[in-house]
């Protein structure tokens, strides 16, 4: 796993994406322009991609993918001004997940307290994903993750 300021993309047998701008849409989108408004909506979309790719939704692999999805989308909503890009693809036995938000600051680990618990999401994402790439741009940032499915 690595964390860097580059990004990667690929198209696969299953693809679901949404974007705040029409220019970043790809031909494989099933829901052009629709962004998940909650972690639950994002997990449902990743479930669809995994199911289409033949990944058992009761597997540990699927649970890890859904946890990464939930953490990244929750952080985008809570700390990044909302989700501005969502893409989930399966290609070559990996799930490629891209989440964008409106805050250009890179994620930073924090320690929770009794009064304010939390701080576990970003370390979990880094541990579960094979690769994590963060890219900043004038309108915010995009976090790309690669999770091995086999």
N, C-alpha and C. Protein backbone atom coordinates (compact mmCIF):
# COMPACT_ATOMS: atom_id res chain seq x y z
N UNK A 1 0.84 -1.17 0.00
CA UNK A 1 0.00 0.00 0.00
C UNK A 1 0.88 1.23 0.00
N UNK A 2 0.46 2.23 -0.72
CA UNK A 2 1.20 3.49 -0.74
C UNK A 2 0.22 4.64 -0.69
N UNK A 3 0.69 5.75 -0.21
CA UNK A 3 -0.09 6.98 -0.25
C UNK A 3 0.74 7.99 -1.02
N UNK A 4 0.16 8.56 -2.06
CA UNK A 4 0.89 9.51 -2.88
C UNK A 4 -0.06 10.55 -3.43
N UNK A 5 0.47 11.43 -4.27
CA UNK A 5 -0.37 12.47 -4.85
C UNK A 5 -0.69 12.18 -6.30
N UNK A 6 -0.62 10.93 -6.70
CA UNK A 6 -0.98 10.57 -8.07
C UNK A 6 -2.29 9.82 -8.05
N UNK A 7 -2.83 9.55 -9.23
CA UNK A 7 -4.08 8.81 -9.29
C UNK A 7 -4.01 7.80 -10.40
N UNK A 8 -4.93 6.84 -10.34
CA UNK A 8 -5.01 5.84 -11.39
C UNK A 8 -6.46 5.62 -11.73
N UNK A 9 -6.71 5.14 -12.92
CA UNK A 9 -8.08 4.82 -13.29
C UNK A 9 -8.08 3.67 -14.26
N UNK A 10 -9.19 2.95 -14.28
CA UNK A 10 -9.36 1.85 -15.21
C UNK A 10 -10.83 1.59 -15.34
N UNK A 11 -11.21 0.99 -16.41
CA UNK A 11 -12.60 0.60 -16.55
C UNK A 11 -12.67 -0.90 -16.49
N UNK A 12 -13.77 -1.41 -16.01
CA UNK A 12 -13.86 -2.84 -15.82
C UNK A 12 -15.21 -3.37 -16.21
N UNK A 13 -15.47 -4.60 -15.75
CA UNK A 13 -16.71 -5.25 -16.10
C UNK A 13 -17.89 -4.64 -15.36
N UNK A 14 -17.65 -4.04 -14.21
CA UNK A 14 -18.71 -3.36 -13.48
C UNK A 14 -18.27 -1.94 -13.23
N UNK A 15 -19.18 -1.00 -13.39
CA UNK A 15 -18.81 0.39 -13.21
C UNK A 15 -20.02 1.19 -12.79
N UNK A 16 -19.87 1.96 -11.74
CA UNK A 16 -20.91 2.89 -11.31
C UNK A 16 -20.19 4.17 -10.93
N UNK A 17 -20.64 5.29 -11.44
CA UNK A 17 -19.97 6.53 -11.09
C UNK A 17 -20.92 7.70 -11.13
N UNK A 18 -20.48 8.78 -10.58
CA UNK A 18 -21.22 10.03 -10.61
C UNK A 18 -20.25 11.15 -10.40
N UNK A 19 -20.59 12.31 -10.89
CA UNK A 19 -19.69 13.45 -10.78
C UNK A 19 -20.51 14.72 -10.76
N UNK A 20 -19.94 15.73 -10.13
CA UNK A 20 -20.61 17.02 -10.10
C UNK A 20 -20.47 17.74 -11.43
N UNK A 21 -19.52 17.32 -12.26
CA UNK A 21 -19.33 17.97 -13.56
C UNK A 21 -19.48 16.96 -14.68
N UNK A 22 -20.15 17.35 -15.74
CA UNK A 22 -20.40 16.45 -16.86
C UNK A 22 -19.11 16.03 -17.55
N UNK A 23 -18.07 16.87 -17.53
CA UNK A 23 -16.84 16.56 -18.25
C UNK A 23 -16.16 15.31 -17.73
N UNK A 24 -16.32 14.99 -16.45
CA UNK A 24 -15.59 13.86 -15.89
C UNK A 24 -16.36 12.55 -15.98
N UNK A 25 -17.49 12.55 -16.62
CA UNK A 25 -18.26 11.32 -16.76
C UNK A 25 -17.64 10.41 -17.80
N UNK A 26 -17.75 9.12 -17.57
CA UNK A 26 -17.23 8.15 -18.53
C UNK A 26 -18.39 7.43 -19.21
N UNK A 27 -18.13 6.79 -20.37
CA UNK A 27 -19.20 6.11 -21.09
C UNK A 27 -19.85 4.98 -20.30
N UNK A 28 -19.13 4.38 -19.35
CA UNK A 28 -19.66 3.24 -18.61
C UNK A 28 -20.56 3.59 -17.45
N UNK A 29 -20.85 4.84 -17.23
CA UNK A 29 -21.67 5.23 -16.09
C UNK A 29 -23.09 4.70 -16.22
N UNK A 30 -23.62 4.28 -15.10
CA UNK A 30 -25.01 3.85 -15.07
C UNK A 30 -25.91 4.96 -14.55
N UNK A 31 -25.35 5.84 -13.73
CA UNK A 31 -26.14 6.93 -13.14
C UNK A 31 -25.39 8.24 -13.33
N UNK A 32 -25.38 8.77 -14.53
CA UNK A 32 -24.60 9.98 -14.77
C UNK A 32 -25.01 11.12 -13.83
N UNK A 33 -24.02 11.73 -13.21
CA UNK A 33 -24.27 12.90 -12.41
C UNK A 33 -24.83 12.66 -11.03
N UNK A 34 -25.29 11.46 -10.72
CA UNK A 34 -25.86 11.19 -9.40
C UNK A 34 -24.77 10.80 -8.43
N UNK A 35 -24.64 11.57 -7.41
CA UNK A 35 -23.65 11.29 -6.38
C UNK A 35 -24.35 10.74 -5.15
N UNK A 36 -23.72 9.79 -4.47
CA UNK A 36 -24.34 9.28 -3.25
C UNK A 36 -24.38 10.39 -2.19
N UNK A 37 -25.51 10.51 -1.54
CA UNK A 37 -25.68 11.54 -0.52
C UNK A 37 -25.45 11.00 0.88
N UNK A 38 -25.17 9.70 0.97
CA UNK A 38 -24.90 9.08 2.26
C UNK A 38 -23.96 7.90 2.05
N UNK A 39 -23.36 7.46 3.15
CA UNK A 39 -22.50 6.28 3.08
C UNK A 39 -23.33 5.06 2.68
N UNK A 40 -24.56 4.98 3.15
CA UNK A 40 -25.42 3.84 2.80
C UNK A 40 -25.68 3.79 1.29
N UNK A 41 -25.92 4.94 0.68
CA UNK A 41 -26.15 4.97 -0.78
C UNK A 41 -24.89 4.57 -1.53
N UNK A 42 -23.74 4.99 -1.05
CA UNK A 42 -22.47 4.61 -1.69
C UNK A 42 -22.23 3.11 -1.55
N UNK A 43 -22.50 2.56 -0.37
CA UNK A 43 -22.33 1.11 -0.17
C UNK A 43 -23.25 0.33 -1.10
N UNK A 44 -24.48 0.80 -1.29
CA UNK A 44 -25.40 0.11 -2.20
C UNK A 44 -24.85 0.08 -3.61
N UNK A 45 -24.24 1.17 -4.03
CA UNK A 45 -23.67 1.22 -5.38
C UNK A 45 -22.47 0.30 -5.51
N UNK A 46 -21.63 0.23 -4.48
CA UNK A 46 -20.49 -0.69 -4.52
C UNK A 46 -20.99 -2.13 -4.48
N UNK A 47 -22.03 -2.41 -3.72
CA UNK A 47 -22.62 -3.76 -3.73
C UNK A 47 -23.04 -4.15 -5.14
N UNK A 48 -23.65 -3.23 -5.86
CA UNK A 48 -24.07 -3.50 -7.24
C UNK A 48 -22.86 -3.85 -8.12
N UNK A 49 -21.79 -3.09 -8.00
CA UNK A 49 -20.58 -3.35 -8.79
C UNK A 49 -19.98 -4.71 -8.43
N UNK A 50 -19.90 -5.00 -7.13
CA UNK A 50 -19.34 -6.28 -6.70
C UNK A 50 -20.19 -7.44 -7.17
N UNK A 51 -21.51 -7.29 -7.06
CA UNK A 51 -22.41 -8.36 -7.50
C UNK A 51 -22.25 -8.61 -8.98
N UNK A 52 -22.18 -7.56 -9.79
CA UNK A 52 -22.00 -7.71 -11.24
C UNK A 52 -20.67 -8.36 -11.58
N UNK A 53 -19.68 -8.19 -10.71
CA UNK A 53 -18.36 -8.78 -10.94
C UNK A 53 -18.27 -10.20 -10.38
N UNK A 54 -19.35 -10.68 -9.76
CA UNK A 54 -19.36 -12.04 -9.24
C UNK A 54 -18.74 -12.19 -7.87
N UNK A 55 -18.57 -11.10 -7.15
CA UNK A 55 -18.01 -11.16 -5.80
C UNK A 55 -19.14 -11.42 -4.82
N UNK A 56 -18.99 -12.43 -3.99
CA UNK A 56 -20.00 -12.74 -2.98
C UNK A 56 -20.12 -11.63 -1.97
N UNK A 57 -21.32 -11.13 -1.77
CA UNK A 57 -21.51 -9.99 -0.86
C UNK A 57 -21.37 -10.38 0.60
N UNK A 58 -21.34 -11.69 0.89
CA UNK A 58 -21.15 -12.14 2.26
C UNK A 58 -19.68 -12.46 2.55
N UNK A 59 -18.78 -12.11 1.64
CA UNK A 59 -17.36 -12.41 1.81
C UNK A 59 -16.65 -11.32 2.62
N UNK A 60 -15.51 -11.68 3.18
CA UNK A 60 -14.67 -10.72 3.90
C UNK A 60 -14.19 -9.63 2.94
N UNK A 61 -13.90 -10.01 1.71
CA UNK A 61 -13.45 -9.06 0.70
C UNK A 61 -14.51 -7.97 0.48
N UNK A 62 -15.76 -8.39 0.35
CA UNK A 62 -16.84 -7.42 0.15
C UNK A 62 -17.00 -6.54 1.40
N UNK A 63 -16.90 -7.15 2.58
CA UNK A 63 -17.02 -6.37 3.81
C UNK A 63 -15.93 -5.29 3.89
N UNK A 64 -14.71 -5.66 3.52
CA UNK A 64 -13.62 -4.68 3.51
C UNK A 64 -13.89 -3.55 2.51
N UNK A 65 -14.36 -3.92 1.33
CA UNK A 65 -14.66 -2.91 0.30
C UNK A 65 -15.76 -1.96 0.77
N UNK A 66 -16.77 -2.50 1.43
CA UNK A 66 -17.87 -1.67 1.92
C UNK A 66 -17.42 -0.78 3.08
N UNK A 67 -16.52 -1.28 3.92
CA UNK A 67 -16.00 -0.46 5.01
C UNK A 67 -15.17 0.71 4.48
N UNK A 68 -14.31 0.44 3.49
CA UNK A 68 -13.52 1.51 2.87
C UNK A 68 -14.45 2.54 2.23
N UNK A 69 -15.46 2.07 1.51
CA UNK A 69 -16.43 2.96 0.88
C UNK A 69 -17.10 3.85 1.93
N UNK A 70 -17.57 3.22 2.99
CA UNK A 70 -18.28 3.94 4.04
C UNK A 70 -17.39 4.99 4.69
N UNK A 71 -16.16 4.63 5.00
CA UNK A 71 -15.25 5.58 5.65
C UNK A 71 -14.93 6.77 4.75
N UNK A 72 -14.62 6.50 3.47
CA UNK A 72 -14.26 7.60 2.57
C UNK A 72 -15.44 8.53 2.30
N UNK A 73 -16.62 7.97 2.10
CA UNK A 73 -17.79 8.81 1.83
C UNK A 73 -18.19 9.58 3.09
N UNK A 74 -18.16 8.92 4.24
CA UNK A 74 -18.47 9.62 5.49
C UNK A 74 -17.51 10.77 5.72
N UNK A 75 -16.22 10.54 5.49
CA UNK A 75 -15.24 11.62 5.66
C UNK A 75 -15.47 12.75 4.67
N UNK A 76 -15.82 12.41 3.42
CA UNK A 76 -16.09 13.45 2.41
C UNK A 76 -17.28 14.31 2.83
N UNK A 77 -18.30 13.67 3.38
CA UNK A 77 -19.49 14.40 3.81
C UNK A 77 -19.20 15.21 5.08
N UNK A 78 -18.55 14.59 6.05
CA UNK A 78 -18.32 15.22 7.35
C UNK A 78 -17.23 16.28 7.33
N UNK A 79 -16.15 16.02 6.59
CA UNK A 79 -14.98 16.90 6.65
C UNK A 79 -14.65 17.60 5.33
N UNK A 80 -15.21 17.14 4.22
CA UNK A 80 -14.78 17.65 2.92
C UNK A 80 -15.80 18.45 2.14
N UNK A 81 -16.90 18.82 2.76
CA UNK A 81 -17.88 19.62 2.06
C UNK A 81 -18.79 18.83 1.14
N UNK A 82 -18.79 17.51 1.25
CA UNK A 82 -19.66 16.66 0.44
C UNK A 82 -18.92 15.92 -0.66
N UNK A 83 -19.57 14.91 -1.19
CA UNK A 83 -19.00 14.09 -2.26
C UNK A 83 -19.14 14.84 -3.58
N UNK A 84 -18.04 15.01 -4.29
CA UNK A 84 -18.05 15.67 -5.60
C UNK A 84 -17.76 14.70 -6.74
N UNK A 85 -17.27 13.51 -6.40
CA UNK A 85 -16.99 12.48 -7.41
C UNK A 85 -17.14 11.13 -6.75
N UNK A 86 -17.76 10.20 -7.45
CA UNK A 86 -17.87 8.83 -6.95
C UNK A 86 -17.72 7.89 -8.13
N UNK A 87 -16.79 6.97 -8.01
CA UNK A 87 -16.60 5.98 -9.07
C UNK A 87 -16.19 4.66 -8.44
N UNK A 88 -16.82 3.58 -8.88
CA UNK A 88 -16.48 2.23 -8.43
C UNK A 88 -16.42 1.35 -9.66
N UNK A 89 -15.26 0.74 -9.88
CA UNK A 89 -15.05 -0.15 -11.03
C UNK A 89 -14.36 -1.42 -10.55
N UNK A 90 -14.64 -2.52 -11.23
CA UNK A 90 -13.89 -3.75 -11.03
C UNK A 90 -13.16 -4.06 -12.32
N UNK A 91 -11.85 -4.28 -12.20
CA UNK A 91 -11.01 -4.65 -13.34
C UNK A 91 -9.86 -5.50 -12.82
N UNK A 92 -9.57 -6.58 -13.52
CA UNK A 92 -8.42 -7.42 -13.17
C UNK A 92 -8.41 -7.83 -11.70
N UNK A 93 -9.54 -8.27 -11.19
CA UNK A 93 -9.67 -8.73 -9.81
C UNK A 93 -9.37 -7.68 -8.75
N UNK A 94 -9.57 -6.41 -9.07
CA UNK A 94 -9.44 -5.35 -8.07
C UNK A 94 -10.64 -4.42 -8.17
N UNK A 95 -11.01 -3.86 -7.03
CA UNK A 95 -12.01 -2.80 -6.99
C UNK A 95 -11.26 -1.48 -6.98
N UNK A 96 -11.55 -0.65 -7.96
CA UNK A 96 -10.98 0.69 -8.03
C UNK A 96 -12.07 1.65 -7.55
N UNK A 97 -11.80 2.34 -6.47
CA UNK A 97 -12.78 3.22 -5.85
C UNK A 97 -12.21 4.62 -5.78
N UNK A 98 -12.94 5.59 -6.33
CA UNK A 98 -12.51 6.99 -6.31
C UNK A 98 -13.60 7.84 -5.67
N UNK A 99 -13.20 8.61 -4.67
CA UNK A 99 -14.12 9.50 -3.97
C UNK A 99 -13.51 10.89 -3.98
N UNK A 100 -14.27 11.88 -4.45
CA UNK A 100 -13.80 13.26 -4.44
C UNK A 100 -14.62 14.09 -3.48
N UNK A 101 -13.98 15.13 -2.94
CA UNK A 101 -14.70 16.08 -2.11
C UNK A 101 -14.16 17.49 -2.38
N UNK A 102 -14.75 18.47 -1.73
CA UNK A 102 -14.46 19.87 -2.03
C UNK A 102 -13.34 20.47 -1.19
N UNK A 103 -12.68 19.69 -0.36
CA UNK A 103 -11.62 20.20 0.50
C UNK A 103 -10.26 19.71 0.01
N UNK A 104 -9.35 20.59 -0.37
CA UNK A 104 -8.05 20.15 -0.89
C UNK A 104 -7.09 19.61 0.18
N UNK A 105 -7.45 19.76 1.45
CA UNK A 105 -6.56 19.24 2.50
C UNK A 105 -6.56 17.72 2.48
N UNK A 106 -5.37 17.13 2.57
CA UNK A 106 -5.24 15.68 2.58
C UNK A 106 -5.68 15.13 3.93
N UNK A 107 -6.18 13.90 3.96
CA UNK A 107 -6.58 13.30 5.23
C UNK A 107 -5.38 13.21 6.17
N UNK A 108 -5.65 13.40 7.44
CA UNK A 108 -4.61 13.28 8.46
C UNK A 108 -5.16 12.44 9.60
N UNK A 109 -4.37 11.51 10.09
CA UNK A 109 -4.86 10.72 11.23
C UNK A 109 -5.02 11.61 12.46
N UNK A 110 -6.01 11.30 13.25
CA UNK A 110 -6.20 12.03 14.49
C UNK A 110 -6.54 11.02 15.58
N UNK A 111 -6.32 11.41 16.79
CA UNK A 111 -6.61 10.55 17.92
C UNK A 111 -7.92 11.00 18.54
N UNK A 112 -8.81 10.05 18.73
CA UNK A 112 -10.08 10.37 19.37
C UNK A 112 -9.89 10.60 20.86
N UNK A 113 -10.89 11.22 21.45
CA UNK A 113 -10.89 11.45 22.90
C UNK A 113 -12.20 10.93 23.46
N UNK A 114 -12.29 10.93 24.77
CA UNK A 114 -13.54 10.51 25.40
C UNK A 114 -14.68 11.42 24.97
N UNK A 115 -14.40 12.72 24.91
CA UNK A 115 -15.43 13.68 24.52
C UNK A 115 -15.73 13.64 23.03
N UNK A 116 -14.73 13.28 22.24
CA UNK A 116 -14.89 13.27 20.78
C UNK A 116 -14.24 12.01 20.20
N UNK A 117 -14.95 10.88 20.29
CA UNK A 117 -14.36 9.63 19.80
C UNK A 117 -14.22 9.66 18.28
N UNK A 118 -13.36 8.83 17.78
CA UNK A 118 -13.19 8.73 16.33
C UNK A 118 -11.72 8.71 15.97
N UNK A 119 -11.47 8.94 14.70
CA UNK A 119 -10.10 8.95 14.22
C UNK A 119 -9.62 7.62 13.69
N UNK A 120 -10.51 6.65 13.55
CA UNK A 120 -10.11 5.32 13.10
C UNK A 120 -10.27 5.11 11.61
N UNK A 121 -11.07 5.93 10.94
CA UNK A 121 -11.41 5.70 9.54
C UNK A 121 -10.25 5.73 8.58
N UNK A 122 -9.44 6.79 8.62
CA UNK A 122 -8.33 6.91 7.67
C UNK A 122 -7.30 5.79 7.86
N UNK A 123 -6.90 5.45 9.10
CA UNK A 123 -5.99 4.31 9.25
C UNK A 123 -6.60 3.00 8.75
N UNK A 124 -7.90 2.82 8.94
CA UNK A 124 -8.56 1.61 8.42
C UNK A 124 -8.49 1.55 6.90
N UNK A 125 -8.77 2.66 6.25
CA UNK A 125 -8.69 2.72 4.78
C UNK A 125 -7.29 2.34 4.33
N UNK A 126 -6.28 2.91 4.97
CA UNK A 126 -4.90 2.64 4.58
C UNK A 126 -4.51 1.18 4.82
N UNK A 127 -5.07 0.58 5.85
CA UNK A 127 -4.74 -0.81 6.15
C UNK A 127 -5.46 -1.78 5.21
N UNK A 128 -6.71 -1.50 4.87
CA UNK A 128 -7.50 -2.44 4.08
C UNK A 128 -7.21 -2.35 2.58
N UNK A 129 -6.85 -1.19 2.10
CA UNK A 129 -6.61 -1.01 0.66
C UNK A 129 -5.18 -1.43 0.32
N UNK A 130 -5.05 -2.02 -0.87
CA UNK A 130 -3.73 -2.37 -1.36
C UNK A 130 -2.94 -1.11 -1.71
N UNK A 131 -3.66 -0.12 -2.23
CA UNK A 131 -3.02 1.15 -2.58
C UNK A 131 -4.01 2.28 -2.33
N UNK A 132 -3.49 3.41 -1.85
CA UNK A 132 -4.28 4.62 -1.63
C UNK A 132 -3.51 5.77 -2.25
N UNK A 133 -4.14 6.47 -3.18
CA UNK A 133 -3.52 7.64 -3.81
C UNK A 133 -4.42 8.84 -3.57
N UNK A 134 -3.84 9.94 -3.14
CA UNK A 134 -4.58 11.18 -2.93
C UNK A 134 -4.09 12.21 -3.94
N UNK A 135 -5.02 12.85 -4.60
CA UNK A 135 -4.68 13.88 -5.58
C UNK A 135 -5.45 15.15 -5.23
N UNK A 136 -4.74 16.24 -5.07
CA UNK A 136 -5.41 17.51 -4.83
C UNK A 136 -5.55 18.25 -6.16
N UNK A 137 -6.56 19.10 -6.21
CA UNK A 137 -6.82 19.93 -7.39
C UNK A 137 -7.51 21.20 -6.89
N UNK A 138 -7.67 22.19 -7.74
CA UNK A 138 -8.23 23.48 -7.28
C UNK A 138 -9.60 23.36 -6.61
N UNK A 139 -10.39 22.36 -7.00
CA UNK A 139 -11.73 22.23 -6.45
C UNK A 139 -11.81 21.26 -5.27
N UNK A 140 -10.69 20.72 -4.81
CA UNK A 140 -10.72 19.79 -3.69
C UNK A 140 -9.69 18.70 -3.82
N UNK A 141 -10.13 17.47 -3.59
CA UNK A 141 -9.22 16.33 -3.70
C UNK A 141 -9.99 15.11 -4.16
N UNK A 142 -9.24 14.14 -4.67
CA UNK A 142 -9.77 12.83 -5.03
C UNK A 142 -8.91 11.78 -4.36
N UNK A 143 -9.55 10.83 -3.71
CA UNK A 143 -8.85 9.71 -3.10
C UNK A 143 -9.20 8.48 -3.92
N UNK A 144 -8.17 7.83 -4.46
CA UNK A 144 -8.31 6.62 -5.25
C UNK A 144 -7.77 5.45 -4.44
N UNK A 145 -8.55 4.39 -4.34
CA UNK A 145 -8.10 3.20 -3.63
C UNK A 145 -8.19 1.99 -4.54
N UNK A 146 -7.33 1.03 -4.27
CA UNK A 146 -7.33 -0.25 -4.97
C UNK A 146 -7.47 -1.32 -3.90
N UNK A 147 -8.50 -2.16 -4.05
CA UNK A 147 -8.72 -3.27 -3.13
C UNK A 147 -8.72 -4.57 -3.92
N UNK A 148 -7.86 -5.50 -3.54
CA UNK A 148 -7.76 -6.79 -4.22
C UNK A 148 -9.00 -7.62 -3.91
N UNK A 149 -9.60 -8.21 -4.94
CA UNK A 149 -10.83 -9.00 -4.78
C UNK A 149 -10.58 -10.50 -4.82
N UNK A 150 -9.38 -10.91 -5.16
CA UNK A 150 -9.08 -12.35 -5.23
C UNK A 150 -7.78 -12.65 -4.53
